[in-house]
Amino acid sequence: MRRLVAVATIAFSIAACSAPDSVSGSDATSPAKARHPGRTVLVLTQTLGYHHASIPWAIAALRREAARDGRYRVVFLPSASRLTPTALKGAAAAVFLLTSGELPLSRLEKRALVAFVHDGGGLVGFHSATDTFHHWPAYIRMIGAEFSHHPPPSTERIVVEDRSTPATRGLPKSFTIHEEFYVFKHDPRPRVHVLLRLDMPPGGPDRPLVWCRRSGSGRVFYDALGHFPQTWSDPRQLVLVSGGIAWAAGLAQAPSC
């Protein structure tokens, strides 16, 4: 009898250890998964210039944030040739995720993207989105700035200028982060609403890093962070990602933008 009890106890223990956790993991049911995403966000990841090693981490972060939000789905485009007028018709926003270089958009497709944003669509850019389409002035105007160069990566203090938007509401007044901080060809501040800036000494140059702006009826959000893989698991960056995409896709309001 004791042997039977011992065998039964061992069998129960093995079954318990190997059973899937019903409240966690990728198959777990959550409020976000229970909803049906009503909007589509196109995410372009093609690079024809510098290719960031952090792209897989960025993709994973956007997937997680979309699943958590539950109101939109992300569709990843490995080539700009798939960012067609037809694709844009069914989208709420287009994201340039660590893109670079002169991507293969035809004149028709470029006009369609400008019209999409001007007529109420969203445009989101992360990090090297400003190192994209250097020879397309309309894109540079839309995104708000053009990348010039960057000093070596460093740990710096970031000041949050506007904490009233969905992309910044959960951020502290300032924080430090190790990143590659871009310098732009022209100060974007006259053309954008700055949300975050690099903290500079008195008399130093203005260094906006995150901003929002309107382009016609459309909404444009840009975040210069994201060079390193670890940035895409940083809670501060994830606040910017989720809030910025939600605002650009028309799912949240930001009157100051």
Protein backbone atom coordinates (compact mmCIF):
# COMPACT_ATOMS: atom_id res chain seq x y z
CA MET A 1 0.00 0.00 0.00
CA ARG A 2 2.86 2.38 0.90
CA ARG A 3 4.48 1.66 -2.48
CA LEU A 4 1.21 2.50 -4.28
CA VAL A 5 0.90 5.79 -2.37
CA ALA A 6 4.52 6.65 -3.17
CA VAL A 7 4.06 5.93 -6.89
CA ALA A 8 0.86 7.98 -6.99
CA THR A 9 2.58 10.87 -5.23
CA ILE A 10 5.49 10.84 -7.70
CA ALA A 11 3.13 10.67 -10.68
CA PHE A 12 1.11 13.63 -9.38
CA SER A 13 4.29 15.66 -8.83
CA ILE A 14 5.54 14.99 -12.39
CA ALA A 15 2.17 15.91 -13.86
CA ALA A 16 2.07 19.14 -11.88
CA CYS A 17 5.57 20.16 -12.99
CA SER A 18 4.93 19.48 -16.67
CA ALA A 19 1.44 20.99 -16.90
CA PRO A 20 1.26 24.33 -18.80
CA ASP A 21 0.57 27.41 -16.73
CA SER A 22 -2.99 28.40 -17.57
CA VAL A 23 -2.57 32.02 -16.45
CA SER A 24 0.72 32.94 -18.12
CA GLY A 25 2.59 32.43 -21.38
CA SER A 26 1.78 33.24 -24.99
CA ASP A 27 -1.53 31.34 -24.93
CA ALA A 28 -2.87 33.01 -21.82
CA THR A 29 -6.19 34.80 -22.20
CA SER A 30 -5.99 38.50 -21.31
CA PRO A 31 -8.31 41.50 -21.80
CA ALA A 32 -6.06 42.69 -24.65
CA LYS A 33 -6.23 39.35 -26.46
CA ALA A 34 -9.98 39.15 -25.89
CA ARG A 35 -10.57 42.33 -27.89
CA HIS A 36 -10.56 42.40 -31.67
CA PRO A 37 -8.04 44.96 -32.97
CA GLY A 38 -9.94 47.50 -35.04
CA ARG A 39 -7.02 49.30 -36.65
CA THR A 40 -3.92 48.31 -38.59
CA VAL A 41 -0.48 49.81 -38.08
CA LEU A 42 2.05 49.11 -40.83
CA VAL A 43 5.63 48.75 -39.60
CA LEU A 44 8.46 49.13 -42.12
CA THR A 45 11.85 47.68 -41.11
CA GLN A 46 13.90 47.86 -44.32
CA THR A 47 17.43 49.29 -44.18
CA LEU A 48 19.59 50.35 -47.11
CA GLY A 49 22.00 52.29 -44.95
CA TYR A 50 23.09 51.42 -41.44
CA HIS A 51 21.43 48.26 -40.13
CA HIS A 52 20.76 48.30 -36.40
CA ALA A 53 21.30 45.06 -34.49
CA SER A 54 18.42 46.13 -32.23
CA ILE A 55 15.76 45.65 -34.94
CA PRO A 56 14.62 42.18 -33.71
CA TRP A 57 14.21 43.58 -30.18
CA ALA A 58 12.29 46.56 -31.54
CA ILE A 59 9.97 44.28 -33.52
CA ALA A 60 9.31 42.17 -30.43
CA ALA A 61 8.58 45.29 -28.37
CA LEU A 62 6.03 46.60 -30.89
CA ARG A 63 4.37 43.18 -31.03
CA ARG A 64 4.06 43.09 -27.23
CA GLU A 65 2.70 46.63 -27.02
CA ALA A 66 0.11 45.95 -29.72
CA ALA A 67 -1.03 42.80 -27.92
CA ARG A 68 -1.19 44.63 -24.62
CA ASP A 69 -3.19 47.53 -26.09
CA GLY A 70 -5.55 45.32 -28.07
CA ARG A 71 -7.02 48.12 -30.21
CA TYR A 72 -4.68 47.75 -33.18
CA ARG A 73 -2.62 45.09 -34.91
CA VAL A 74 0.86 45.51 -36.32
CA VAL A 75 1.77 44.31 -39.82
CA PHE A 76 5.51 44.18 -40.46
CA LEU A 77 6.81 45.10 -43.91
CA PRO A 78 10.36 43.92 -44.71
CA SER A 79 10.44 46.07 -47.86
CA ALA A 80 9.16 49.54 -48.69
CA SER A 81 7.81 48.06 -51.93
CA ARG A 82 4.96 46.71 -49.79
CA LEU A 83 4.05 50.17 -48.50
CA THR A 84 1.61 50.61 -51.37
CA PRO A 85 -1.37 52.96 -51.75
CA THR A 86 -3.62 49.91 -51.29
CA ALA A 87 -1.88 48.95 -48.04
CA LEU A 88 -2.15 52.51 -46.74
CA LYS A 89 -5.90 52.65 -47.45
CA GLY A 90 -6.48 50.03 -44.78
CA ALA A 91 -4.07 51.47 -42.21
CA ALA A 92 -4.33 53.93 -39.35
CA ALA A 93 -0.59 54.64 -39.19
CA ALA A 94 2.75 53.77 -40.77
CA VAL A 95 5.82 53.21 -38.60
CA PHE A 96 9.40 53.60 -39.85
CA LEU A 97 11.16 51.32 -37.37
CA LEU A 98 14.95 51.83 -37.49
CA THR A 99 14.83 52.25 -41.27
CA SER A 100 17.71 53.83 -43.15
CA GLY A 101 18.79 54.88 -46.62
CA GLU A 102 16.88 55.64 -49.81
CA LEU A 103 14.16 53.00 -49.68
CA PRO A 104 12.46 51.69 -52.86
CA LEU A 105 9.33 53.83 -53.01
CA SER A 106 8.16 54.95 -56.44
CA ARG A 107 7.00 58.52 -57.07
CA LEU A 108 3.40 57.31 -56.91
CA GLU A 109 4.03 55.54 -53.59
CA LYS A 110 5.77 58.60 -52.15
CA ARG A 111 2.83 60.81 -53.12
CA ALA A 112 0.47 58.26 -51.58
CA LEU A 113 2.36 58.32 -48.25
CA VAL A 114 2.34 62.12 -48.10
CA ALA A 115 -1.38 62.18 -48.94
CA PHE A 116 -2.08 59.44 -46.37
CA VAL A 117 -0.56 61.51 -43.58
CA HIS A 118 -1.95 64.84 -44.81
CA ASP A 119 -5.47 63.40 -44.94
CA GLY A 120 -5.43 62.11 -41.37
CA GLY A 121 -3.15 59.08 -41.15
CA GLY A 122 -0.34 58.66 -38.67
CA LEU A 123 3.41 58.55 -39.23
CA VAL A 124 5.75 57.23 -36.52
CA GLY A 125 9.53 57.18 -36.71
CA PHE A 126 12.04 55.55 -34.40
CA HIS A 127 15.73 56.44 -34.17
CA SER A 128 17.17 56.13 -37.71
CA ALA A 129 13.86 57.03 -39.36
CA THR A 130 15.51 60.46 -39.67
CA ASP A 131 18.46 58.77 -41.42
CA THR A 132 16.03 57.69 -44.14
CA PHE A 133 15.16 59.42 -47.44
CA HIS A 134 17.80 62.13 -47.28
CA HIS A 135 16.91 63.02 -50.88
CA TRP A 136 13.16 63.31 -50.31
CA PRO A 137 12.40 66.78 -48.85
CA ALA A 138 8.69 66.05 -48.27
CA TYR A 139 9.55 63.14 -45.99
CA ILE A 140 12.08 65.21 -44.04
CA ARG A 141 9.44 67.90 -43.54
CA MET A 142 6.89 65.32 -42.36
CA ILE A 143 9.17 63.52 -39.90
CA GLY A 144 10.46 66.85 -38.58
CA ALA A 145 14.26 66.60 -38.93
CA GLU A 146 17.16 65.05 -40.82
CA PHE A 147 19.95 63.09 -39.13
CA SER A 148 23.41 64.64 -39.34
CA HIS A 149 25.74 62.66 -37.05
CA HIS A 150 26.12 61.33 -33.54
CA PRO A 151 28.87 61.38 -30.93
CA PRO A 152 29.90 58.09 -29.26
CA PRO A 153 27.14 56.48 -27.16
CA SER A 154 26.95 57.81 -23.63
CA THR A 155 24.81 57.88 -20.51
CA GLU A 156 22.94 61.16 -20.38
CA ARG A 157 20.07 62.86 -18.60
CA ILE A 158 16.84 63.33 -20.57
CA VAL A 159 14.38 66.10 -19.68
CA VAL A 160 10.67 65.51 -20.31
CA GLU A 161 9.27 68.86 -21.43
CA ASP A 162 5.62 67.87 -21.84
CA ARG A 163 4.14 65.14 -19.63
CA SER A 164 0.55 65.66 -20.77
CA THR A 165 0.56 63.40 -23.85
CA PRO A 166 -0.15 59.64 -24.07
CA ALA A 167 3.53 59.10 -24.95
CA THR A 168 4.88 60.96 -21.91
CA ARG A 169 2.18 60.80 -19.23
CA GLY A 170 3.86 57.88 -17.47
CA LEU A 171 7.36 59.35 -17.53
CA PRO A 172 9.23 61.10 -14.73
CA LYS A 173 10.32 64.72 -15.12
CA SER A 174 13.75 63.47 -16.14
CA PHE A 175 15.71 60.24 -16.35
CA THR A 176 19.11 58.94 -17.44
CA ILE A 177 19.70 56.40 -20.20
CA HIS A 178 22.65 54.98 -22.13
CA GLU A 179 22.03 55.66 -25.81
CA GLU A 180 23.36 56.93 -29.11
CA PHE A 181 22.11 60.52 -29.23
CA TYR A 182 21.46 62.00 -32.66
CA VAL A 183 22.41 65.46 -33.83
CA PHE A 184 20.17 66.80 -36.59
CA LYS A 185 21.11 69.04 -39.51
CA HIS A 186 18.74 71.73 -38.25
CA ASP A 187 17.10 72.24 -34.88
CA PRO A 188 13.60 70.72 -35.30
CA ARG A 189 12.03 72.79 -32.51
CA PRO A 190 10.56 75.52 -34.77
CA ARG A 191 8.62 72.86 -36.71
CA VAL A 192 7.65 70.37 -34.00
CA HIS A 193 6.31 70.16 -30.46
CA VAL A 194 9.23 68.87 -28.38
CA LEU A 195 8.39 66.22 -25.77
CA LEU A 196 11.88 65.15 -24.63
CA ARG A 197 15.28 66.80 -24.97
CA LEU A 198 18.83 66.01 -24.01
CA ASP A 199 19.83 67.90 -20.88
CA MET A 200 22.54 70.36 -21.87
CA PRO A 201 24.65 72.79 -19.81
CA PRO A 202 23.66 76.48 -19.82
CA GLY A 203 24.42 78.00 -23.19
CA GLY A 204 24.63 74.60 -24.87
CA PRO A 205 22.81 73.71 -28.09
CA ASP A 206 19.15 72.69 -28.15
CA ARG A 207 18.94 68.88 -28.51
CA PRO A 208 15.33 67.69 -29.02
CA LEU A 209 15.00 63.89 -29.06
CA VAL A 210 11.27 63.10 -29.08
CA TRP A 211 8.50 65.16 -30.59
CA CYS A 212 5.05 65.24 -32.11
CA ARG A 213 3.61 67.43 -34.84
CA ARG A 214 0.68 67.77 -37.19
CA SER A 215 1.05 67.38 -40.93
CA GLY A 216 -2.19 68.54 -42.50
CA SER A 217 -4.82 66.50 -40.64
CA GLY A 218 -2.28 63.78 -39.85
CA ARG A 219 -0.30 63.01 -36.72
CA VAL A 220 3.49 62.54 -36.68
CA PHE A 221 5.45 61.13 -33.74
CA TYR A 222 9.23 60.69 -33.64
CA ASP A 223 11.45 59.07 -30.99
CA ALA A 224 15.23 59.28 -31.48
CA LEU A 225 15.98 56.53 -28.93
CA GLY A 226 16.41 52.87 -29.84
CA HIS A 227 19.98 52.19 -30.91
CA PHE A 228 20.62 49.43 -28.39
CA PRO A 229 18.65 46.21 -27.88
CA GLN A 230 18.23 46.97 -24.17
CA THR A 231 16.48 50.24 -24.97
CA TRP A 232 13.55 48.20 -26.31
CA SER A 233 12.95 46.63 -22.92
CA ASP A 234 13.39 49.88 -21.02
CA PRO A 235 10.02 50.87 -19.45
CA ARG A 236 10.56 54.54 -20.39
CA GLN A 237 10.98 53.66 -24.05
CA LEU A 238 7.94 51.39 -23.95
CA VAL A 239 5.83 54.27 -22.61
CA LEU A 240 6.97 56.34 -25.59
CA VAL A 241 6.29 53.47 -28.02
CA SER A 242 2.80 52.63 -26.81
CA GLY A 243 1.61 56.20 -26.33
CA GLY A 244 3.19 57.50 -29.52
CA ILE A 245 1.66 54.81 -31.71
CA ALA A 246 -1.73 55.11 -30.02
CA TRP A 247 -1.80 58.87 -30.63
CA ALA A 248 -0.57 58.58 -34.23
CA ALA A 249 -3.18 55.90 -34.96
CA GLY A 250 -5.96 58.16 -33.66
CA LEU A 251 -6.62 56.08 -30.54
CA ALA A 252 -5.61 58.75 -28.02
CA GLN A 253 -5.75 62.51 -27.74
CA ALA A 254 -2.82 64.90 -27.26
CA PRO A 255 -4.08 68.49 -27.50
CA SER A 256 -0.58 69.95 -27.08
CA CYS A 257 0.52 68.15 -30.24
